[in-house]
């Protein structure tokens, strides 16, 4: 496990997400290719093995939403994913992907900032994030928000290639 540095000692890639319809569509194609090659399967398996098998899940910085959607395919009707992304165009892509999966009843996507999540305390059983940590301007503050919105006993899993 890598220890997080202080907020001041890192340089995020961006602090406003993947903005614009063109960028969102291109990012979707890249992530779809990752999904189609089966490269999300080990991440879904990790979630399942760690006990993330049902309940209300928050996906922070969900982008096109494939991790949550692939997780839902495995757990079936026992889960609901709420996705939060700072980019409105990415939220639109995730909603479209949810419809393609036929999982609209099990997903909710909304625009919002992970630094001030628009959710009540203890709203989610678990929190997941894949590929957005490097964009968090103040990761320690985001982790405080995760701690605020996760229920007691909940698990969180944040996966990224770099801090």
C-alpha atoms as a PDB file:
ATOM      1  CA  UNK A   1       0.000   0.000   0.000  1.00  0.00           C
ATOM      2  CA  UNK A   2       1.268   3.440  -0.888  1.00  0.00           C
ATOM      3  CA  UNK A   3       1.017   6.121   1.748  1.00  0.00           C
ATOM      4  CA  UNK A   4      -0.572   9.353   0.592  1.00  0.00           C
ATOM      5  CA  UNK A   5       1.441  12.496   0.717  1.00  0.00           C
ATOM      6  CA  UNK A   6       0.119  15.765   2.030  1.00  0.00           C
ATOM      7  CA  UNK A   7      -2.101  17.788  -0.277  1.00  0.00           C
ATOM      8  CA  UNK A   8       0.666  20.343  -0.793  1.00  0.00           C
ATOM      9  CA  UNK A   9       3.334  17.895  -1.959  1.00  0.00           C
ATOM     10  CA  UNK A  10       1.610  16.590  -5.085  1.00  0.00           C
ATOM     11  CA  UNK A  11       0.533  18.027  -8.391  1.00  0.00           C
ATOM     12  CA  UNK A  12      -2.803  16.741  -9.661  1.00  0.00           C
ATOM     13  CA  UNK A  13      -3.279  16.140 -13.369  1.00  0.00           C
ATOM     14  CA  UNK A  14      -6.362  18.354 -13.346  1.00  0.00           C
ATOM     15  CA  UNK A  15      -8.835  19.539 -10.768  1.00  0.00           C
ATOM     16  CA  UNK A  16     -11.822  19.881 -13.081  1.00  0.00           C
ATOM     17  CA  UNK A  17     -12.074  16.386 -14.567  1.00  0.00           C
ATOM     18  CA  UNK A  18     -12.392  15.341 -18.168  1.00  0.00           C
ATOM     19  CA  UNK A  19     -14.316  18.347 -19.467  1.00  0.00           C
ATOM     20  CA  UNK A  20     -16.082  18.741 -22.785  1.00  0.00           C
ATOM     21  CA  UNK A  21     -18.190  16.393 -24.873  1.00  0.00           C
ATOM     22  CA  UNK A  22     -15.349  15.408 -27.226  1.00  0.00           C
ATOM     23  CA  UNK A  23     -12.968  14.539 -24.369  1.00  0.00           C
ATOM     24  CA  UNK A  24     -15.707  12.614 -22.559  1.00  0.00           C
ATOM     25  CA  UNK A  25     -16.458  10.591 -25.695  1.00  0.00           C
ATOM     26  CA  UNK A  26     -12.783   9.824 -26.327  1.00  0.00           C
ATOM     27  CA  UNK A  27     -12.261   8.818 -22.697  1.00  0.00           C
ATOM     28  CA  UNK A  28     -15.336   6.604 -22.934  1.00  0.00           C
ATOM     29  CA  UNK A  29     -13.878   4.816 -25.972  1.00  0.00           C
ATOM     30  CA  UNK A  30     -10.599   4.235 -24.145  1.00  0.00           C
ATOM     31  CA  UNK A  31     -12.346   2.892 -21.036  1.00  0.00           C
ATOM     32  CA  UNK A  32     -14.694   0.760 -23.148  1.00  0.00           C
ATOM     33  CA  UNK A  33     -11.608  -0.835 -24.747  1.00  0.00           C
ATOM     34  CA  UNK A  34     -10.219  -1.538 -21.270  1.00  0.00           C
ATOM     35  CA  UNK A  35     -13.521  -3.160 -20.329  1.00  0.00           C
ATOM     36  CA  UNK A  36     -13.731  -5.141 -23.579  1.00  0.00           C
ATOM     37  CA  UNK A  37     -10.264  -6.582 -23.007  1.00  0.00           C
ATOM     38  CA  UNK A  38     -11.404  -7.806 -19.578  1.00  0.00           C
ATOM     39  CA  UNK A  39      -9.012  -5.542 -17.716  1.00  0.00           C
ATOM     40  CA  UNK A  40     -11.702  -4.486 -15.223  1.00  0.00           C
ATOM     41  CA  UNK A  41     -12.441  -8.060 -14.190  1.00  0.00           C
ATOM     42  CA  UNK A  42      -9.650  -8.188 -11.607  1.00  0.00           C
ATOM     43  CA  UNK A  43     -10.891  -4.938 -10.064  1.00  0.00           C
ATOM     44  CA  UNK A  44     -14.444  -6.277  -9.793  1.00  0.00           C
ATOM     45  CA  UNK A  45     -13.057  -9.507  -8.334  1.00  0.00           C
ATOM     46  CA  UNK A  46     -11.087  -7.480  -5.780  1.00  0.00           C
ATOM     47  CA  UNK A  47     -14.267  -5.685  -4.707  1.00  0.00           C
ATOM     48  CA  UNK A  48     -16.177  -8.968  -4.381  1.00  0.00           C
ATOM     49  CA  UNK A  49     -13.331 -10.636  -2.451  1.00  0.00           C
ATOM     50  CA  UNK A  50     -13.252  -7.683  -0.048  1.00  0.00           C
ATOM     51  CA  UNK A  51     -16.960  -8.086   0.720  1.00  0.00           C
ATOM     52  CA  UNK A  52     -18.360  -5.393  -1.553  1.00  0.00           C
ATOM     53  CA  UNK A  53     -21.197  -7.638  -2.727  1.00  0.00           C
ATOM     54  CA  UNK A  54     -24.349  -5.576  -2.199  1.00  0.00           C
ATOM     55  CA  UNK A  55     -25.742  -2.307  -0.979  1.00  0.00           C
ATOM     56  CA  UNK A  56     -25.446   1.346  -1.809  1.00  0.00           C
ATOM     57  CA  UNK A  57     -22.125   2.075  -3.500  1.00  0.00           C
ATOM     58  CA  UNK A  58     -20.677   5.500  -4.210  1.00  0.00           C
ATOM     59  CA  UNK A  59     -18.306   5.644  -7.177  1.00  0.00           C
ATOM     60  CA  UNK A  60     -16.188   8.801  -6.914  1.00  0.00           C
ATOM     61  CA  UNK A  61     -15.000  10.218 -10.245  1.00  0.00           C
ATOM     62  CA  UNK A  62     -16.747   7.418 -12.106  1.00  0.00           C
ATOM     63  CA  UNK A  63     -16.036   8.747 -15.608  1.00  0.00           C
ATOM     64  CA  UNK A  64     -18.016   6.577 -18.036  1.00  0.00           C
ATOM     65  CA  UNK A  65     -19.027   4.322 -15.119  1.00  0.00           C
ATOM     66  CA  UNK A  66     -17.703   0.975 -16.290  1.00  0.00           C
ATOM     67  CA  UNK A  67     -16.310  -0.260 -12.960  1.00  0.00           C
ATOM     68  CA  UNK A  68     -19.633   0.224 -11.187  1.00  0.00           C
ATOM     69  CA  UNK A  69     -21.579  -1.222 -14.103  1.00  0.00           C
ATOM     70  CA  UNK A  70     -19.361  -4.299 -14.306  1.00  0.00           C
ATOM     71  CA  UNK A  71     -19.712  -4.729 -10.533  1.00  0.00           C
ATOM     72  CA  UNK A  72     -23.498  -4.522 -10.862  1.00  0.00           C
ATOM     73  CA  UNK A  73     -23.451  -7.225 -13.554  1.00  0.00           C
ATOM     74  CA  UNK A  74     -21.854  -9.571 -11.024  1.00  0.00           C
ATOM     75  CA  UNK A  75     -23.933  -8.722  -7.935  1.00  0.00           C
ATOM     76  CA  UNK A  76     -27.221  -8.362  -9.812  1.00  0.00           C
ATOM     77  CA  UNK A  77     -30.177  -6.769  -8.086  1.00  0.00           C
ATOM     78  CA  UNK A  78     -28.449  -6.541  -4.709  1.00  0.00           C
ATOM     79  CA  UNK A  79     -26.639  -3.314  -5.479  1.00  0.00           C
ATOM     80  CA  UNK A  80     -27.072   0.298  -6.437  1.00  0.00           C
ATOM     81  CA  UNK A  81     -24.300   2.573  -7.696  1.00  0.00           C
ATOM     82  CA  UNK A  82     -24.354   6.324  -7.281  1.00  0.00           C
ATOM     83  CA  UNK A  83     -21.710   7.951  -9.438  1.00  0.00           C
ATOM     84  CA  UNK A  84     -20.271  11.380  -8.707  1.00  0.00           C
ATOM     85  CA  UNK A  85     -18.183  13.230 -11.274  1.00  0.00           C
ATOM     86  CA  UNK A  86     -17.165  16.857 -11.605  1.00  0.00           C
ATOM     87  CA  UNK A  87     -17.721  16.814 -15.383  1.00  0.00           C
ATOM     88  CA  UNK A  88     -21.310  17.061 -16.654  1.00  0.00           C
ATOM     89  CA  UNK A  89     -20.387  15.516 -20.015  1.00  0.00           C
ATOM     90  CA  UNK A  90     -18.937  12.491 -18.242  1.00  0.00           C
ATOM     91  CA  UNK A  91     -22.130  12.119 -16.216  1.00  0.00           C
ATOM     92  CA  UNK A  92     -24.084  12.066 -19.478  1.00  0.00           C
ATOM     93  CA  UNK A  93     -21.808   9.347 -20.873  1.00  0.00           C
ATOM     94  CA  UNK A  94     -22.227   7.254 -17.709  1.00  0.00           C
ATOM     95  CA  UNK A  95     -26.020   7.557 -17.919  1.00  0.00           C
ATOM     96  CA  UNK A  96     -25.933   6.422 -21.533  1.00  0.00           C
ATOM     97  CA  UNK A  97     -23.702   3.472 -20.634  1.00  0.00           C
ATOM     98  CA  UNK A  98     -26.026   2.495 -17.798  1.00  0.00           C
ATOM     99  CA  UNK A  99     -28.901   2.414 -20.283  1.00  0.00           C
ATOM    100  CA  UNK A 100     -26.846   0.221 -22.639  1.00  0.00           C
ATOM    101  CA  UNK A 101     -26.299  -2.207 -19.759  1.00  0.00           C
ATOM    102  CA  UNK A 102     -30.014  -2.072 -18.881  1.00  0.00           C
ATOM    103  CA  UNK A 103     -29.133  -0.981 -15.341  1.00  0.00           C
ATOM    104  CA  UNK A 104     -30.826   2.420 -15.099  1.00  0.00           C
ATOM    105  CA  UNK A 105     -32.875   1.251 -12.092  1.00  0.00           C
ATOM    106  CA  UNK A 106     -29.632   0.420 -10.255  1.00  0.00           C
ATOM    107  CA  UNK A 107     -27.651   3.576 -11.028  1.00  0.00           C
ATOM    108  CA  UNK A 108     -27.761   7.266 -10.266  1.00  0.00           C
ATOM    109  CA  UNK A 109     -25.218   9.704 -11.675  1.00  0.00           C
ATOM    110  CA  UNK A 110     -24.753  13.302 -10.721  1.00  0.00           C
ATOM    111  CA  UNK A 111     -22.406  16.213 -11.150  1.00  0.00           C
ATOM    112  CA  UNK A 112     -20.550  17.167  -8.005  1.00  0.00           C
ATOM    113  CA  UNK A 113     -17.222  17.888  -6.386  1.00  0.00           C
ATOM    114  CA  UNK A 114     -15.648  15.148  -4.270  1.00  0.00           C
ATOM    115  CA  UNK A 115     -14.370  17.844  -1.918  1.00  0.00           C
ATOM    116  CA  UNK A 116     -17.957  18.671  -0.920  1.00  0.00           C
ATOM    117  CA  UNK A 117     -20.041  15.613  -1.676  1.00  0.00           C
ATOM    118  CA  UNK A 118     -23.753  16.371  -1.941  1.00  0.00           C
ATOM    119  CA  UNK A 119     -24.763  13.441   0.274  1.00  0.00           C
ATOM    120  CA  UNK A 120     -25.894  13.006   3.849  1.00  0.00           C
ATOM    121  CA  UNK A 121     -23.575  11.469   6.424  1.00  0.00           C
ATOM    122  CA  UNK A 122     -23.405   7.666   6.303  1.00  0.00           C
ATOM    123  CA  UNK A 123     -25.277   7.423   2.981  1.00  0.00           C
ATOM    124  CA  UNK A 124     -23.326   4.517   1.447  1.00  0.00           C
ATOM    125  CA  UNK A 125     -22.324   0.980   2.378  1.00  0.00           C
ATOM    126  CA  UNK A 126     -19.123   1.251   0.349  1.00  0.00           C
ATOM    127  CA  UNK A 127     -17.147   3.778  -1.714  1.00  0.00           C
ATOM    128  CA  UNK A 128     -15.098   2.926  -4.797  1.00  0.00           C
ATOM    129  CA  UNK A 129     -12.985   4.905  -7.231  1.00  0.00           C
ATOM    130  CA  UNK A 130     -10.935   3.839 -10.231  1.00  0.00           C
ATOM    131  CA  UNK A 131      -8.574   6.137 -12.088  1.00  0.00           C
ATOM    132  CA  UNK A 132      -9.490   9.473 -10.549  1.00  0.00           C
ATOM    133  CA  UNK A 133      -7.242   9.814  -7.477  1.00  0.00           C
ATOM    134  CA  UNK A 134      -4.509  11.457  -9.540  1.00  0.00           C
ATOM    135  CA  UNK A 135      -6.984  14.221 -10.423  1.00  0.00           C
ATOM    136  CA  UNK A 136      -7.997  15.001  -6.849  1.00  0.00           C
ATOM    137  CA  UNK A 137      -6.595  18.405  -5.976  1.00  0.00           C
ATOM    138  CA  UNK A 138      -6.787  17.716  -2.243  1.00  0.00           C
ATOM    139  CA  UNK A 139      -6.900  13.930  -1.730  1.00  0.00           C
ATOM    140  CA  UNK A 140      -6.834  14.038   2.056  1.00  0.00           C
ATOM    141  CA  UNK A 141      -9.950  16.224   2.006  1.00  0.00           C
ATOM    142  CA  UNK A 142     -11.656  13.784  -0.376  1.00  0.00           C
ATOM    143  CA  UNK A 143     -10.825  10.927   1.988  1.00  0.00           C
ATOM    144  CA  UNK A 144     -12.407  12.916   4.821  1.00  0.00           C
ATOM    145  CA  UNK A 145     -15.541  13.217   2.686  1.00  0.00           C
ATOM    146  CA  UNK A 146     -15.445   9.482   1.970  1.00  0.00           C
ATOM    147  CA  UNK A 147     -15.213   8.858   5.706  1.00  0.00           C
ATOM    148  CA  UNK A 148     -18.209  11.151   6.240  1.00  0.00           C
ATOM    149  CA  UNK A 149     -20.502   9.504   3.670  1.00  0.00           C
ATOM    150  CA  UNK A 150     -19.605   5.858   4.325  1.00  0.00           C
ATOM    151  CA  UNK A 151     -21.597   3.878   6.886  1.00  0.00           C
ATOM    152  CA  UNK A 152     -19.896   2.281   9.880  1.00  0.00           C
ATOM    153  CA  UNK A 153     -18.275  -0.975   8.820  1.00  0.00           C
ATOM    154  CA  UNK A 154     -18.229   0.087   5.175  1.00  0.00           C
ATOM    155  CA  UNK A 155     -15.294  -0.544   2.883  1.00  0.00           C
ATOM    156  CA  UNK A 156     -13.647   1.767   0.413  1.00  0.00           C
ATOM    157  CA  UNK A 157     -11.426   0.862  -2.510  1.00  0.00           C
ATOM    158  CA  UNK A 158      -9.506   3.529  -4.424  1.00  0.00           C
ATOM    159  CA  UNK A 159      -7.482   2.275  -7.396  1.00  0.00           C
ATOM    160  CA  UNK A 160      -5.202   4.409  -9.540  1.00  0.00           C
ATOM    161  CA  UNK A 161      -1.937   4.120 -11.423  1.00  0.00           C
ATOM    162  CA  UNK A 162      -0.371   7.059  -9.634  1.00  0.00           C
ATOM    163  CA  UNK A 163      -1.025   9.423  -6.746  1.00  0.00           C
END
